[in-house]
Amino acid sequence: MSVKVTRVRLNRRGMRELLCSEGVQEMLAGKASAVAAEVEAAGIRVEGEPGRIALPVTVAVEVGAGRAFAQVILDHPAGLAVEAKHGLLTAAIDAAGSV
């Protein structure tokens, strides 16, 4: 049985427009928000004003060089230590992966 190979040539400008489109940005925002919700649901508290506060999480969607991207930021000086100790973002990405 022979297999027929079809070559596809993508239009670079069209792909760039697609990857920067509003629809892709909305999809990324939804995924990033789901990850942020998982992080917030973990209930990690850190030192803040006044006293212990919930770990602040920020979602940002931007357009970079040729494509849109989303960031979920543990917006506190202890965020890096929290990620190192608990693997919070990694677990949240796995939990929100099917969204």
PDB file of N, CA and C in Angstrom:
ATOM      1  N   MET A   1       0.840  -1.173   0.000  1.00  0.00           N
ATOM      2  CA  MET A   1       0.000   0.000   0.000  1.00  0.00           C
ATOM      3  C   MET A   1       0.891   1.244   0.000  1.00  0.00           C
ATOM      4  N   SER A   2       0.686   2.102  -0.936  1.00  0.00           N
ATOM      5  CA  SER A   2       1.508   3.312  -1.017  1.00  0.00           C
ATOM      6  C   SER A   2       0.821   4.462  -0.275  1.00  0.00           C
ATOM      7  N   VAL A   3       1.647   5.308   0.258  1.00  0.00           N
ATOM      8  CA  VAL A   3       1.156   6.466   0.992  1.00  0.00           C
ATOM      9  C   VAL A   3       1.421   7.703   0.157  1.00  0.00           C
ATOM     10  N   LYS A   4       0.379   8.490  -0.044  1.00  0.00           N
ATOM     11  CA  LYS A   4       0.528   9.717  -0.811  1.00  0.00           C
ATOM     12  C   LYS A   4       0.913  10.845   0.145  1.00  0.00           C
ATOM     13  N   VAL A   5       1.995  11.523  -0.173  1.00  0.00           N
ATOM     14  CA  VAL A   5       2.477  12.628   0.645  1.00  0.00           C
ATOM     15  C   VAL A   5       2.008  13.929   0.022  1.00  0.00           C
ATOM     16  N   THR A   6       1.356  14.736   0.827  1.00  0.00           N
ATOM     17  CA  THR A   6       0.896  16.041   0.362  1.00  0.00           C
ATOM     18  C   THR A   6       1.725  17.110   1.048  1.00  0.00           C
ATOM     19  N   ARG A   7       2.267  17.998   0.274  1.00  0.00           N
ATOM     20  CA  ARG A   7       3.060  19.094   0.837  1.00  0.00           C
ATOM     21  C   ARG A   7       2.150  20.294   1.088  1.00  0.00           C
ATOM     22  N   VAL A   8       2.349  20.905   2.223  1.00  0.00           N
ATOM     23  CA  VAL A   8       1.582  22.085   2.596  1.00  0.00           C
ATOM     24  C   VAL A   8       2.568  23.226   2.799  1.00  0.00           C
ATOM     25  N   ARG A   9       2.247  24.344   2.228  1.00  0.00           N
ATOM     26  CA  ARG A   9       3.095  25.522   2.400  1.00  0.00           C
ATOM     27  C   ARG A   9       2.262  26.597   3.100  1.00  0.00           C
ATOM     28  N   LEU A  10       2.696  26.977   4.279  1.00  0.00           N
ATOM     29  CA  LEU A  10       1.951  27.954   5.064  1.00  0.00           C
ATOM     30  C   LEU A  10       2.355  29.370   4.677  1.00  0.00           C
ATOM     31  N   ASN A  11       1.388  30.241   4.686  1.00  0.00           N
ATOM     32  CA  ASN A  11       1.622  31.651   4.421  1.00  0.00           C
ATOM     33  C   ASN A  11       2.112  32.284   5.721  1.00  0.00           C
ATOM     34  N   ARG A  12       3.367  32.719   5.740  1.00  0.00           N
ATOM     35  CA  ARG A  12       3.966  33.234   6.976  1.00  0.00           C
ATOM     36  C   ARG A  12       3.216  34.444   7.534  1.00  0.00           C
ATOM     37  N   ARG A  13       2.856  35.367   6.686  1.00  0.00           N
ATOM     38  CA  ARG A  13       2.151  36.558   7.160  1.00  0.00           C
ATOM     39  C   ARG A  13       0.788  36.163   7.739  1.00  0.00           C
ATOM     40  N   GLY A  14       0.105  35.251   7.058  1.00  0.00           N
ATOM     41  CA  GLY A  14      -1.198  34.799   7.546  1.00  0.00           C
ATOM     42  C   GLY A  14      -1.087  34.075   8.879  1.00  0.00           C
ATOM     43  N   MET A  15      -0.055  33.253   9.046  1.00  0.00           N
ATOM     44  CA  MET A  15       0.146  32.550  10.313  1.00  0.00           C
ATOM     45  C   MET A  15       0.470  33.542  11.434  1.00  0.00           C
ATOM     46  N   ARG A  16       1.278  34.554  11.139  1.00  0.00           N
ATOM     47  CA  ARG A  16       1.609  35.575  12.134  1.00  0.00           C
ATOM     48  C   ARG A  16       0.342  36.315  12.562  1.00  0.00           C
ATOM     49  N   GLU A  17      -0.500  36.654  11.577  1.00  0.00           N
ATOM     50  CA  GLU A  17      -1.759  37.335  11.895  1.00  0.00           C
ATOM     51  C   GLU A  17      -2.650  36.453  12.759  1.00  0.00           C
ATOM     52  N   LEU A  18      -2.697  35.165  12.425  1.00  0.00           N
ATOM     53  CA  LEU A  18      -3.500  34.226  13.206  1.00  0.00           C
ATOM     54  C   LEU A  18      -2.974  34.122  14.638  1.00  0.00           C
ATOM     55  N   LEU A  19      -1.667  33.968  14.794  1.00  0.00           N
ATOM     56  CA  LEU A  19      -1.080  33.799  16.120  1.00  0.00           C
ATOM     57  C   LEU A  19      -1.169  35.056  16.981  1.00  0.00           C
ATOM     58  N   CYS A  20      -1.393  36.205  16.356  1.00  0.00           N
ATOM     59  CA  CYS A  20      -1.547  37.470  17.092  1.00  0.00           C
ATOM     60  C   CYS A  20      -3.008  37.900  17.195  1.00  0.00           C
ATOM     61  N   SER A  21      -3.914  37.119  16.637  1.00  0.00           N
ATOM     62  CA  SER A  21      -5.317  37.530  16.532  1.00  0.00           C
ATOM     63  C   SER A  21      -5.995  37.649  17.896  1.00  0.00           C
ATOM     64  N   GLU A  22      -7.092  38.380  17.900  1.00  0.00           N
ATOM     65  CA  GLU A  22      -7.872  38.577  19.114  1.00  0.00           C
ATOM     66  C   GLU A  22      -8.426  37.251  19.635  1.00  0.00           C
ATOM     67  N   GLY A  23      -8.819  36.371  18.726  1.00  0.00           N
ATOM     68  CA  GLY A  23      -9.342  35.071  19.131  1.00  0.00           C
ATOM     69  C   GLY A  23      -8.311  34.240  19.875  1.00  0.00           C
ATOM     70  N   VAL A  24      -7.079  34.236  19.391  1.00  0.00           N
ATOM     71  CA  VAL A  24      -6.002  33.507  20.066  1.00  0.00           C
ATOM     72  C   VAL A  24      -5.713  34.154  21.419  1.00  0.00           C
ATOM     73  N   GLN A  25      -5.723  35.477  21.479  1.00  0.00           N
ATOM     74  CA  GLN A  25      -5.489  36.172  22.747  1.00  0.00           C
ATOM     75  C   GLN A  25      -6.579  35.830  23.764  1.00  0.00           C
ATOM     76  N   GLU A  26      -7.832  35.754  23.318  1.00  0.00           N
ATOM     77  CA  GLU A  26      -8.936  35.396  24.215  1.00  0.00           C
ATOM     78  C   GLU A  26      -8.790  33.965  24.720  1.00  0.00           C
ATOM     79  N   MET A  27      -8.392  33.049  23.824  1.00  0.00           N
ATOM     80  CA  MET A  27      -8.193  31.658  24.212  1.00  0.00           C
ATOM     81  C   MET A  27      -7.069  31.549  25.241  1.00  0.00           C
ATOM     82  N   LEU A  28      -5.965  32.259  25.001  1.00  0.00           N
ATOM     83  CA  LEU A  28      -4.849  32.247  25.945  1.00  0.00           C
ATOM     84  C   LEU A  28      -5.250  32.844  27.290  1.00  0.00           C
ATOM     85  N   ALA A  29      -6.044  33.913  27.266  1.00  0.00           N
ATOM     86  CA  ALA A  29      -6.512  34.536  28.506  1.00  0.00           C
ATOM     87  C   ALA A  29      -7.365  33.552  29.304  1.00  0.00           C
ATOM     88  N   GLY A  30      -8.206  32.795  28.619  1.00  0.00           N
ATOM     89  CA  GLY A  30      -9.030  31.797  29.295  1.00  0.00           C
ATOM     90  C   GLY A  30      -8.195  30.706  29.937  1.00  0.00           C
ATOM     91  N   LYS A  31      -7.195  30.212  29.206  1.00  0.00           N
ATOM     92  CA  LYS A  31      -6.307  29.173  29.751  1.00  0.00           C
ATOM     93  C   LYS A  31      -5.516  29.712  30.944  1.00  0.00           C
ATOM     94  N   ALA A  32      -4.970  30.920  30.802  1.00  0.00           N
ATOM     95  CA  ALA A  32      -4.180  31.511  31.884  1.00  0.00           C
ATOM     96  C   ALA A  32      -5.054  31.778  33.111  1.00  0.00           C
ATOM     97  N   SER A  33      -6.283  32.208  32.900  1.00  0.00           N
ATOM     98  CA  SER A  33      -7.207  32.445  34.019  1.00  0.00           C
ATOM     99  C   SER A  33      -7.535  31.143  34.742  1.00  0.00           C
ATOM    100  N   ALA A  34      -7.654  30.053  33.993  1.00  0.00           N
ATOM    101  CA  ALA A  34      -7.909  28.749  34.612  1.00  0.00           C
ATOM    102  C   ALA A  34      -6.716  28.322  35.469  1.00  0.00           C
ATOM    103  N   VAL A  35      -5.511  28.560  34.988  1.00  0.00           N
ATOM    104  CA  VAL A  35      -4.309  28.251  35.764  1.00  0.00           C
ATOM    105  C   VAL A  35      -4.281  29.119  37.024  1.00  0.00           C
ATOM    106  N   ALA A  36      -4.572  30.418  36.881  1.00  0.00           N
ATOM    107  CA  ALA A  36      -4.585  31.328  38.032  1.00  0.00           C
ATOM    108  C   ALA A  36      -5.625  30.891  39.062  1.00  0.00           C
ATOM    109  N   ALA A  37      -6.785  30.441  38.603  1.00  0.00           N
ATOM    110  CA  ALA A  37      -7.833  29.981  39.523  1.00  0.00           C
ATOM    111  C   ALA A  37      -7.364  28.757  40.311  1.00  0.00           C
ATOM    112  N   GLU A  38      -6.637  27.856  39.654  1.00  0.00           N
ATOM    113  CA  GLU A  38      -6.090  26.681  40.347  1.00  0.00           C
ATOM    114  C   GLU A  38      -5.071  27.101  41.407  1.00  0.00           C
ATOM    115  N   VAL A  39      -4.231  28.079  41.067  1.00  0.00           N
ATOM    116  CA  VAL A  39      -3.240  28.583  42.033  1.00  0.00           C
ATOM    117  C   VAL A  39      -3.958  29.191  43.235  1.00  0.00           C
ATOM    118  N   GLU A  40      -4.964  30.018  42.982  1.00  0.00           N
ATOM    119  CA  GLU A  40      -5.708  30.662  44.069  1.00  0.00           C
ATOM    120  C   GLU A  40      -6.444  29.633  44.920  1.00  0.00           C
ATOM    121  N   ALA A  41      -6.926  28.566  44.292  1.00  0.00           N
ATOM    122  CA  ALA A  41      -7.652  27.528  45.026  1.00  0.00           C
ATOM    123  C   ALA A  41      -6.746  26.768  45.994  1.00  0.00           C
ATOM    124  N   ALA A  42      -5.440  26.804  45.760  1.00  0.00           N
ATOM    125  CA  ALA A  42      -4.503  26.122  46.659  1.00  0.00           C
ATOM    126  C   ALA A  42      -4.463  26.787  48.033  1.00  0.00           C
ATOM    127  N   GLY A  43      -4.857  28.054  48.104  1.00  0.00           N
ATOM    128  CA  GLY A  43      -4.960  28.742  49.393  1.00  0.00           C
ATOM    129  C   GLY A  43      -3.635  29.063  50.065  1.00  0.00           C
ATOM    130  N   ILE A  44      -2.571  29.207  49.298  1.00  0.00           N
ATOM    131  CA  ILE A  44      -1.265  29.558  49.871  1.00  0.00           C
ATOM    132  C   ILE A  44      -1.311  30.999  50.369  1.00  0.00           C
ATOM    133  N   ARG A  45      -0.825  31.208  51.589  1.00  0.00           N
ATOM    134  CA  ARG A  45      -0.798  32.549  52.167  1.00  0.00           C
ATOM    135  C   ARG A  45       0.655  32.956  52.387  1.00  0.00           C
ATOM    136  N   VAL A  46       0.933  34.243  52.188  1.00  0.00           N
ATOM    137  CA  VAL A  46       2.285  34.783  52.328  1.00  0.00           C
ATOM    138  C   VAL A  46       2.238  36.029  53.205  1.00  0.00           C
ATOM    139  N   GLU A  47       3.409  36.473  53.646  1.00  0.00           N
ATOM    140  CA  GLU A  47       3.482  37.688  54.464  1.00  0.00           C
ATOM    141  C   GLU A  47       3.125  38.895  53.614  1.00  0.00           C
ATOM    142  N   GLY A  48       2.303  39.762  54.150  1.00  0.00           N
ATOM    143  CA  GLY A  48       1.903  40.963  53.429  1.00  0.00           C
ATOM    144  C   GLY A  48       1.386  42.002  54.396  1.00  0.00           C
ATOM    145  N   GLU A  49       0.737  42.996  53.877  1.00  0.00           N
ATOM    146  CA  GLU A  49       0.164  44.058  54.702  1.00  0.00           C
ATOM    147  C   GLU A  49      -1.344  43.970  54.635  1.00  0.00           C
ATOM    148  N   PRO A  50      -2.070  43.801  55.653  1.00  0.00           N
ATOM    149  CA  PRO A  50      -1.639  43.525  57.018  1.00  0.00           C
ATOM    150  C   PRO A  50      -1.543  42.023  57.249  1.00  0.00           C
ATOM    151  N   GLY A  51      -0.500  41.548  57.860  1.00  0.00           N
ATOM    152  CA  GLY A  51      -0.343  40.136  58.211  1.00  0.00           C
ATOM    153  C   GLY A  51      -0.254  39.215  57.005  1.00  0.00           C
ATOM    154  N   ARG A  52      -0.810  38.012  57.140  1.00  0.00           N
ATOM    155  CA  ARG A  52      -0.753  37.005  56.076  1.00  0.00           C
ATOM    156  C   ARG A  52      -1.869  37.273  55.073  1.00  0.00           C
ATOM    157  N   ILE A  53      -1.520  37.217  53.793  1.00  0.00           N
ATOM    158  CA  ILE A  53      -2.483  37.468  52.715  1.00  0.00           C
ATOM    159  C   ILE A  53      -2.434  36.313  51.725  1.00  0.00           C
ATOM    160  N   ALA A  54      -3.474  36.188  50.924  1.00  0.00           N
ATOM    161  CA  ALA A  54      -3.473  35.186  49.856  1.00  0.00           C
ATOM    162  C   ALA A  54      -2.397  35.556  48.838  1.00  0.00           C
ATOM    163  N   LEU A  55      -1.721  34.551  48.300  1.00  0.00           N
ATOM    164  CA  LEU A  55      -0.674  34.778  47.300  1.00  0.00           C
ATOM    165  C   LEU A  55      -1.275  35.493  46.096  1.00  0.00           C
ATOM    166  N   PRO A  56      -0.814  36.715  45.791  1.00  0.00           N
ATOM    167  CA  PRO A  56      -1.377  37.439  44.645  1.00  0.00           C
ATOM    168  C   PRO A  56      -0.956  36.800  43.325  1.00  0.00           C
ATOM    169  N   VAL A  57      -1.916  36.627  42.435  1.00  0.00           N
ATOM    170  CA  VAL A  57      -1.664  36.036  41.122  1.00  0.00           C
ATOM    171  C   VAL A  57      -2.154  37.017  40.060  1.00  0.00           C
ATOM    172  N   THR A  58      -1.306  37.290  39.071  1.00  0.00           N
ATOM    173  CA  THR A  58      -1.638  38.211  37.993  1.00  0.00           C
ATOM    174  C   THR A  58      -1.609  37.460  36.671  1.00  0.00           C
ATOM    175  N   VAL A  59      -2.589  37.738  35.808  1.00  0.00           N
ATOM    176  CA  VAL A  59      -2.632  37.164  34.459  1.00  0.00           C
ATOM    177  C   VAL A  59      -2.394  38.290  33.466  1.00  0.00           C
ATOM    178  N   ALA A  60      -1.478  38.067  32.534  1.00  0.00           N
ATOM    179  CA  ALA A  60      -1.180  39.066  31.498  1.00  0.00           C
ATOM    180  C   ALA A  60      -1.156  38.377  30.140  1.00  0.00           C
ATOM    181  N   VAL A  61      -1.833  38.968  29.163  1.00  0.00           N
ATOM    182  CA  VAL A  61      -1.799  38.480  27.782  1.00  0.00           C
ATOM    183  C   VAL A  61      -1.229  39.599  26.934  1.00  0.00           C
ATOM    184  N   GLU A  62      -0.190  39.286  26.173  1.00  0.00           N
ATOM    185  CA  GLU A  62       0.491  40.282  25.353  1.00  0.00           C
ATOM    186  C   GLU A  62       0.790  39.703  23.979  1.00  0.00           C
ATOM    187  N   VAL A  63       1.127  40.598  23.058  1.00  0.00           N
ATOM    188  CA  VAL A  63       1.576  40.178  21.730  1.00  0.00           C
ATOM    189  C   VAL A  63       3.058  40.475  21.653  1.00  0.00           C
ATOM    190  N   GLY A  64       3.838  39.433  21.383  1.00  0.00           N
ATOM    191  CA  GLY A  64       5.285  39.585  21.281  1.00  0.00           C
ATOM    192  C   GLY A  64       5.725  39.538  19.834  1.00  0.00           C
ATOM    193  N   ALA A  65       6.919  39.083  19.615  1.00  0.00           N
ATOM    194  CA  ALA A  65       7.501  39.007  18.273  1.00  0.00           C
ATOM    195  C   ALA A  65       6.845  37.869  17.495  1.00  0.00           C
ATOM    196  N   GLY A  66       5.769  38.180  16.822  1.00  0.00           N
ATOM    197  CA  GLY A  66       5.154  37.192  15.942  1.00  0.00           C
ATOM    198  C   GLY A  66       4.046  36.348  16.529  1.00  0.00           C
ATOM    199  N   ARG A  67       3.757  36.481  17.823  1.00  0.00           N
ATOM    200  CA  ARG A  67       2.677  35.682  18.404  1.00  0.00           C
ATOM    201  C   ARG A  67       2.224  36.252  19.737  1.00  0.00           C
ATOM    202  N   ALA A  68       1.014  35.880  20.108  1.00  0.00           N
ATOM    203  CA  ALA A  68       0.483  36.284  21.411  1.00  0.00           C
ATOM    204  C   ALA A  68       0.954  35.273  22.451  1.00  0.00           C
ATOM    205  N   PHE A  69       1.053  35.722  23.692  1.00  0.00           N
ATOM    206  CA  PHE A  69       1.425  34.813  24.768  1.00  0.00           C
ATOM    207  C   PHE A  69       0.759  35.270  26.056  1.00  0.00           C
ATOM    208  N   ALA A  70       0.628  34.335  26.979  1.00  0.00           N
ATOM    209  CA  ALA A  70       0.018  34.636  28.276  1.00  0.00           C
ATOM    210  C   ALA A  70       1.009  34.303  29.377  1.00  0.00           C
ATOM    211  N   GLN A  71       0.914  35.053  30.462  1.00  0.00           N
ATOM    212  CA  GLN A  71       1.753  34.812  31.628  1.00  0.00           C
ATOM    213  C   GLN A  71       0.867  34.735  32.862  1.00  0.00           C
ATOM    214  N   VAL A  72       1.180  33.793  33.734  1.00  0.00           N
ATOM    215  CA  VAL A  72       0.557  33.721  35.056  1.00  0.00           C
ATOM    216  C   VAL A  72       1.686  34.003  36.037  1.00  0.00           C
ATOM    217  N   ILE A  73       1.556  35.094  36.774  1.00  0.00           N
ATOM    218  CA  ILE A  73       2.655  35.588  37.602  1.00  0.00           C
ATOM    219  C   ILE A  73       2.279  35.486  39.076  1.00  0.00           C
ATOM    220  N   LEU A  74       3.150  34.857  39.867  1.00  0.00           N
ATOM    221  CA  LEU A  74       2.999  34.869  41.318  1.00  0.00           C
ATOM    222  C   LEU A  74       3.565  36.214  41.761  1.00  0.00           C
ATOM    223  N   ASP A  75       2.675  37.165  41.952  1.00  0.00           N
ATOM    224  CA  ASP A  75       3.033  38.572  42.093  1.00  0.00           C
ATOM    225  C   ASP A  75       3.368  38.948  43.538  1.00  0.00           C
ATOM    226  N   HIS A  76       4.423  38.316  44.060  1.00  0.00           N
ATOM    227  CA  HIS A  76       4.855  38.574  45.427  1.00  0.00           C
ATOM    228  C   HIS A  76       6.328  38.174  45.513  1.00  0.00           C
ATOM    229  N   PRO A  77       7.123  38.861  46.343  1.00  0.00           N
ATOM    230  CA  PRO A  77       8.535  38.484  46.459  1.00  0.00           C
ATOM    231  C   PRO A  77       8.750  37.019  46.851  1.00  0.00           C
ATOM    232  N   ALA A  78       7.819  36.423  47.559  1.00  0.00           N
ATOM    233  CA  ALA A  78       7.946  35.024  47.965  1.00  0.00           C
ATOM    234  C   ALA A  78       7.455  34.057  46.887  1.00  0.00           C
ATOM    235  N   GLY A  79       7.003  34.579  45.751  1.00  0.00           N
ATOM    236  CA  GLY A  79       6.453  33.730  44.695  1.00  0.00           C
ATOM    237  C   GLY A  79       7.418  32.668  44.201  1.00  0.00           C
ATOM    238  N   LEU A  80       8.679  33.035  44.023  1.00  0.00           N
ATOM    239  CA  LEU A  80       9.684  32.083  43.547  1.00  0.00           C
ATOM    240  C   LEU A  80       9.893  30.961  44.560  1.00  0.00           C
ATOM    241  N   ALA A  81       9.958  31.310  45.840  1.00  0.00           N
ATOM    242  CA  ALA A  81      10.128  30.303  46.885  1.00  0.00           C
ATOM    243  C   ALA A  81       8.903  29.397  46.981  1.00  0.00           C
ATOM    244  N   VAL A  82       7.726  29.976  46.827  1.00  0.00           N
ATOM    245  CA  VAL A  82       6.488  29.187  46.858  1.00  0.00           C
ATOM    246  C   VAL A  82       6.489  28.182  45.709  1.00  0.00           C
ATOM    247  N   GLU A  83       6.883  28.625  44.518  1.00  0.00           N
ATOM    248  CA  GLU A  83       6.935  27.714  43.367  1.00  0.00           C
ATOM    249  C   GLU A  83       7.972  26.623  43.599  1.00  0.00           C
ATOM    250  N   ALA A  84       9.135  26.980  44.145  1.00  0.00           N
ATOM    251  CA  ALA A  84      10.185  25.993  44.395  1.00  0.00           C
ATOM    252  C   ALA A  84       9.740  24.957  45.431  1.00  0.00           C
ATOM    253  N   LYS A  85       9.032  25.395  46.455  1.00  0.00           N
ATOM    254  CA  LYS A  85       8.620  24.492  47.531  1.00  0.00           C
ATOM    255  C   LYS A  85       7.407  23.649  47.160  1.00  0.00           C
ATOM    256  N   HIS A  86       6.403  24.272  46.527  1.00  0.00           N
ATOM    257  CA  HIS A  86       5.125  23.597  46.299  1.00  0.00           C
ATOM    258  C   HIS A  86       4.890  23.180  44.848  1.00  0.00           C
ATOM    259  N   GLY A  87       5.648  23.734  43.895  1.00  0.00           N
ATOM    260  CA  GLY A  87       5.395  23.438  42.482  1.00  0.00           C
ATOM    261  C   GLY A  87       3.998  23.865  42.074  1.00  0.00           C
ATOM    262  N   LEU A  88       3.571  24.989  42.600  1.00  0.00           N
ATOM    263  CA  LEU A  88       2.195  25.453  42.459  1.00  0.00           C
ATOM    264  C   LEU A  88       1.788  25.696  41.009  1.00  0.00           C
ATOM    265  N   LEU A  89       2.603  26.427  40.261  1.00  0.00           N
ATOM    266  CA  LEU A  89       2.265  26.714  38.859  1.00  0.00           C
ATOM    267  C   LEU A  89       2.266  25.444  38.021  1.00  0.00           C
ATOM    268  N   THR A  90       3.248  24.585  38.246  1.00  0.00           N
ATOM    269  CA  THR A  90       3.324  23.334  37.493  1.00  0.00           C
ATOM    270  C   THR A  90       2.074  22.490  37.723  1.00  0.00           C
ATOM    271  N   ALA A  91       1.676  22.360  38.975  1.00  0.00           N
ATOM    272  CA  ALA A  91       0.475  21.586  39.297  1.00  0.00           C
ATOM    273  C   ALA A  91      -0.776  22.245  38.725  1.00  0.00           C
ATOM    274  N   ALA A  92      -0.827  23.577  38.766  1.00  0.00           N
ATOM    275  CA  ALA A  92      -1.993  24.298  38.250  1.00  0.00           C
ATOM    276  C   ALA A  92      -2.114  24.136  36.742  1.00  0.00           C
ATOM    277  N   ILE A  93      -0.988  24.141  36.043  1.00  0.00           N
ATOM    278  CA  ILE A  93      -1.016  23.934  34.590  1.00  0.00           C
ATOM    279  C   ILE A  93      -1.554  22.549  34.280  1.00  0.00           C
ATOM    280  N   ASP A  94      -1.094  21.538  35.028  1.00  0.00           N
ATOM    281  CA  ASP A  94      -1.593  20.178  34.822  1.00  0.00           C
ATOM    282  C   ASP A  94      -3.088  20.094  35.108  1.00  0.00           C
ATOM    283  N   ALA A  95      -3.532  20.699  36.208  1.00  0.00           N
ATOM    284  CA  ALA A  95      -4.943  20.636  36.595  1.00  0.00           C
ATOM    285  C   ALA A  95      -5.836  21.379  35.615  1.00  0.00           C
ATOM    286  N   ALA A  96      -5.348  22.493  35.070  1.00  0.00           N
ATOM    287  CA  ALA A  96      -6.151  23.305  34.152  1.00  0.00           C
ATOM    288  C   ALA A  96      -5.939  22.899  32.701  1.00  0.00           C
ATOM    289  N   GLY A  97      -5.115  21.893  32.458  1.00  0.00           N
ATOM    290  CA  GLY A  97      -4.748  21.507  31.096  1.00  0.00           C
ATOM    291  C   GLY A  97      -5.903  21.128  30.198  1.00  0.00           C
ATOM    292  N   SER A  98      -6.981  20.609  30.755  1.00  0.00           N
ATOM    293  CA  SER A  98      -8.099  20.170  29.920  1.00  0.00           C
ATOM    294  C   SER A  98      -9.124  21.264  29.683  1.00  0.00           C
ATOM    295  N   VAL A  99      -8.864  22.465  30.185  1.00  0.00           N
ATOM    296  CA  VAL A  99      -9.816  23.579  30.025  1.00  0.00           C
ATOM    297  C   VAL A  99      -9.786  24.079  28.605  1.00  0.00           C
TER     298      VAL A  99
END
